[in-house]
Protein backbone atom coordinates (compact mmCIF):
# COMPACT_ATOMS: atom_id res chain seq x y z
CA UNK A 1 0.00 0.00 0.00
CA UNK A 2 1.45 3.37 -1.02
CA UNK A 3 0.40 6.45 0.89
CA UNK A 4 0.71 9.79 -0.86
CA UNK A 5 1.11 12.94 1.19
CA UNK A 6 -1.07 15.78 0.09
CA UNK A 7 0.54 19.18 -0.35
CA UNK A 8 -2.23 20.59 1.83
CA UNK A 9 -3.08 19.71 5.44
CA UNK A 10 -6.08 17.39 5.73
CA UNK A 11 -6.97 17.15 9.44
CA UNK A 12 -10.06 19.31 10.13
CA UNK A 13 -8.56 21.03 13.17
CA UNK A 14 -5.43 21.97 11.18
CA UNK A 15 -7.52 23.27 8.28
CA UNK A 16 -9.69 25.32 10.64
CA UNK A 17 -6.64 26.79 12.40
CA UNK A 18 -5.06 27.78 9.08
CA UNK A 19 -8.31 29.41 7.93
CA UNK A 20 -8.44 31.36 11.19
CA UNK A 21 -4.82 32.42 10.79
CA UNK A 22 -5.43 33.36 7.17
CA UNK A 23 -8.38 35.57 8.12
CA UNK A 24 -6.36 37.35 10.80
CA UNK A 25 -3.31 37.78 8.58
CA UNK A 26 -5.47 39.16 5.75
CA UNK A 27 -6.61 41.90 8.14
CA UNK A 28 -2.98 42.87 8.73
CA UNK A 29 -1.34 42.32 5.34
CA UNK A 30 -2.36 42.39 1.66
CA UNK A 31 -4.52 39.35 0.94
CA UNK A 32 -2.58 38.21 -2.14
CA UNK A 33 0.71 38.13 -0.21
CA UNK A 34 -0.90 36.16 2.64
CA UNK A 35 -2.38 33.63 0.20
CA UNK A 36 0.94 33.28 -1.64
CA UNK A 37 2.89 32.62 1.56
CA UNK A 38 0.30 30.23 2.98
CA UNK A 39 0.26 28.26 -0.26
CA UNK A 40 4.06 28.11 -0.33
CA UNK A 41 4.18 26.88 3.30
CA UNK A 42 1.11 24.64 3.71
CA UNK A 43 2.29 23.07 6.98
CA UNK A 44 3.37 26.26 8.76
CA UNK A 45 0.98 27.12 11.61
CA UNK A 46 3.19 29.39 13.70
CA UNK A 47 1.78 32.94 13.41
CA UNK A 48 5.18 34.54 14.10
CA UNK A 49 6.85 32.49 11.39
CA UNK A 50 4.06 33.26 8.90
CA UNK A 51 4.37 36.99 9.70
CA UNK A 52 8.12 36.82 9.11
CA UNK A 53 7.57 35.09 5.79
CA UNK A 54 4.91 37.62 4.77
CA UNK A 55 7.13 40.56 5.71
CA UNK A 56 10.00 39.04 3.72
CA UNK A 57 7.66 38.72 0.73
CA UNK A 58 6.52 42.32 1.14
CA UNK A 59 10.13 43.49 1.26
CA UNK A 60 10.84 41.65 -2.01
CA UNK A 61 7.83 43.29 -3.65
CA UNK A 62 8.58 46.77 -2.29
CA UNK A 63 12.31 46.99 -2.81
CA UNK A 64 13.16 46.23 0.84
CA UNK A 65 10.88 48.99 2.14
CA UNK A 66 7.67 48.28 4.04
CA UNK A 67 5.04 50.95 3.32
CA UNK A 68 4.36 53.26 6.26
CA UNK A 69 0.67 52.30 6.36
CA UNK A 70 1.65 48.67 7.03
CA UNK A 71 3.87 49.66 9.95
CA UNK A 72 1.13 51.50 11.83
CA UNK A 73 -0.75 49.27 14.24
CA UNK A 74 -4.21 50.59 15.12
C-alpha atoms as a PDB file:
ATOM      1  CA  UNK A   1       0.000   0.000   0.000  1.00  0.00           C
ATOM      2  CA  UNK A   2       1.453   3.368  -1.025  1.00  0.00           C
ATOM      3  CA  UNK A   3       0.399   6.454   0.894  1.00  0.00           C
ATOM      4  CA  UNK A   4       0.710   9.792  -0.863  1.00  0.00           C
ATOM      5  CA  UNK A   5       1.112  12.935   1.188  1.00  0.00           C
ATOM      6  CA  UNK A   6      -1.073  15.778   0.086  1.00  0.00           C
ATOM      7  CA  UNK A   7       0.543  19.179  -0.349  1.00  0.00           C
ATOM      8  CA  UNK A   8      -2.234  20.587   1.833  1.00  0.00           C
ATOM      9  CA  UNK A   9      -3.081  19.711   5.438  1.00  0.00           C
ATOM     10  CA  UNK A  10      -6.081  17.391   5.735  1.00  0.00           C
ATOM     11  CA  UNK A  11      -6.967  17.148   9.438  1.00  0.00           C
ATOM     12  CA  UNK A  12     -10.055  19.310  10.126  1.00  0.00           C
ATOM     13  CA  UNK A  13      -8.559  21.035  13.168  1.00  0.00           C
ATOM     14  CA  UNK A  14      -5.428  21.974  11.178  1.00  0.00           C
ATOM     15  CA  UNK A  15      -7.516  23.267   8.280  1.00  0.00           C
ATOM     16  CA  UNK A  16      -9.693  25.324  10.643  1.00  0.00           C
ATOM     17  CA  UNK A  17      -6.640  26.786  12.403  1.00  0.00           C
ATOM     18  CA  UNK A  18      -5.063  27.776   9.080  1.00  0.00           C
ATOM     19  CA  UNK A  19      -8.306  29.410   7.935  1.00  0.00           C
ATOM     20  CA  UNK A  20      -8.443  31.357  11.191  1.00  0.00           C
ATOM     21  CA  UNK A  21      -4.816  32.417  10.788  1.00  0.00           C
ATOM     22  CA  UNK A  22      -5.431  33.358   7.166  1.00  0.00           C
ATOM     23  CA  UNK A  23      -8.375  35.572   8.122  1.00  0.00           C
ATOM     24  CA  UNK A  24      -6.361  37.350  10.802  1.00  0.00           C
ATOM     25  CA  UNK A  25      -3.305  37.783   8.577  1.00  0.00           C
ATOM     26  CA  UNK A  26      -5.475  39.163   5.751  1.00  0.00           C
ATOM     27  CA  UNK A  27      -6.611  41.904   8.138  1.00  0.00           C
ATOM     28  CA  UNK A  28      -2.979  42.865   8.734  1.00  0.00           C
ATOM     29  CA  UNK A  29      -1.336  42.318   5.342  1.00  0.00           C
ATOM     30  CA  UNK A  30      -2.362  42.387   1.659  1.00  0.00           C
ATOM     31  CA  UNK A  31      -4.522  39.348   0.935  1.00  0.00           C
ATOM     32  CA  UNK A  32      -2.578  38.210  -2.136  1.00  0.00           C
ATOM     33  CA  UNK A  33       0.711  38.133  -0.210  1.00  0.00           C
ATOM     34  CA  UNK A  34      -0.904  36.160   2.637  1.00  0.00           C
ATOM     35  CA  UNK A  35      -2.378  33.632   0.203  1.00  0.00           C
ATOM     36  CA  UNK A  36       0.939  33.278  -1.644  1.00  0.00           C
ATOM     37  CA  UNK A  37       2.891  32.625   1.563  1.00  0.00           C
ATOM     38  CA  UNK A  38       0.304  30.231   2.982  1.00  0.00           C
ATOM     39  CA  UNK A  39       0.257  28.258  -0.262  1.00  0.00           C
ATOM     40  CA  UNK A  40       4.062  28.108  -0.326  1.00  0.00           C
ATOM     41  CA  UNK A  41       4.182  26.885   3.305  1.00  0.00           C
ATOM     42  CA  UNK A  42       1.110  24.637   3.709  1.00  0.00           C
ATOM     43  CA  UNK A  43       2.286  23.074   6.985  1.00  0.00           C
ATOM     44  CA  UNK A  44       3.365  26.265   8.763  1.00  0.00           C
ATOM     45  CA  UNK A  45       0.977  27.118  11.609  1.00  0.00           C
ATOM     46  CA  UNK A  46       3.190  29.388  13.696  1.00  0.00           C
ATOM     47  CA  UNK A  47       1.781  32.943  13.407  1.00  0.00           C
ATOM     48  CA  UNK A  48       5.175  34.539  14.100  1.00  0.00           C
ATOM     49  CA  UNK A  49       6.845  32.493  11.387  1.00  0.00           C
ATOM     50  CA  UNK A  50       4.061  33.264   8.904  1.00  0.00           C
ATOM     51  CA  UNK A  51       4.365  36.986   9.705  1.00  0.00           C
ATOM     52  CA  UNK A  52       8.121  36.819   9.114  1.00  0.00           C
ATOM     53  CA  UNK A  53       7.574  35.089   5.786  1.00  0.00           C
ATOM     54  CA  UNK A  54       4.909  37.619   4.768  1.00  0.00           C
ATOM     55  CA  UNK A  55       7.131  40.563   5.707  1.00  0.00           C
ATOM     56  CA  UNK A  56       9.999  39.037   3.721  1.00  0.00           C
ATOM     57  CA  UNK A  57       7.664  38.716   0.728  1.00  0.00           C
ATOM     58  CA  UNK A  58       6.521  42.323   1.145  1.00  0.00           C
ATOM     59  CA  UNK A  59      10.128  43.489   1.257  1.00  0.00           C
ATOM     60  CA  UNK A  60      10.838  41.653  -2.008  1.00  0.00           C
ATOM     61  CA  UNK A  61       7.827  43.289  -3.653  1.00  0.00           C
ATOM     62  CA  UNK A  62       8.582  46.770  -2.294  1.00  0.00           C
ATOM     63  CA  UNK A  63      12.312  46.986  -2.810  1.00  0.00           C
ATOM     64  CA  UNK A  64      13.157  46.232   0.837  1.00  0.00           C
ATOM     65  CA  UNK A  65      10.881  48.987   2.144  1.00  0.00           C
ATOM     66  CA  UNK A  66       7.674  48.276   4.036  1.00  0.00           C
ATOM     67  CA  UNK A  67       5.040  50.948   3.319  1.00  0.00           C
ATOM     68  CA  UNK A  68       4.359  53.265   6.257  1.00  0.00           C
ATOM     69  CA  UNK A  69       0.674  52.303   6.361  1.00  0.00           C
ATOM     70  CA  UNK A  70       1.653  48.675   7.033  1.00  0.00           C
ATOM     71  CA  UNK A  71       3.870  49.658   9.946  1.00  0.00           C
ATOM     72  CA  UNK A  72       1.129  51.499  11.829  1.00  0.00           C
ATOM     73  CA  UNK A  73      -0.747  49.275  14.235  1.00  0.00           C
ATOM     74  CA  UNK A  74      -4.211  50.589  15.123  1.00  0.00           C
END
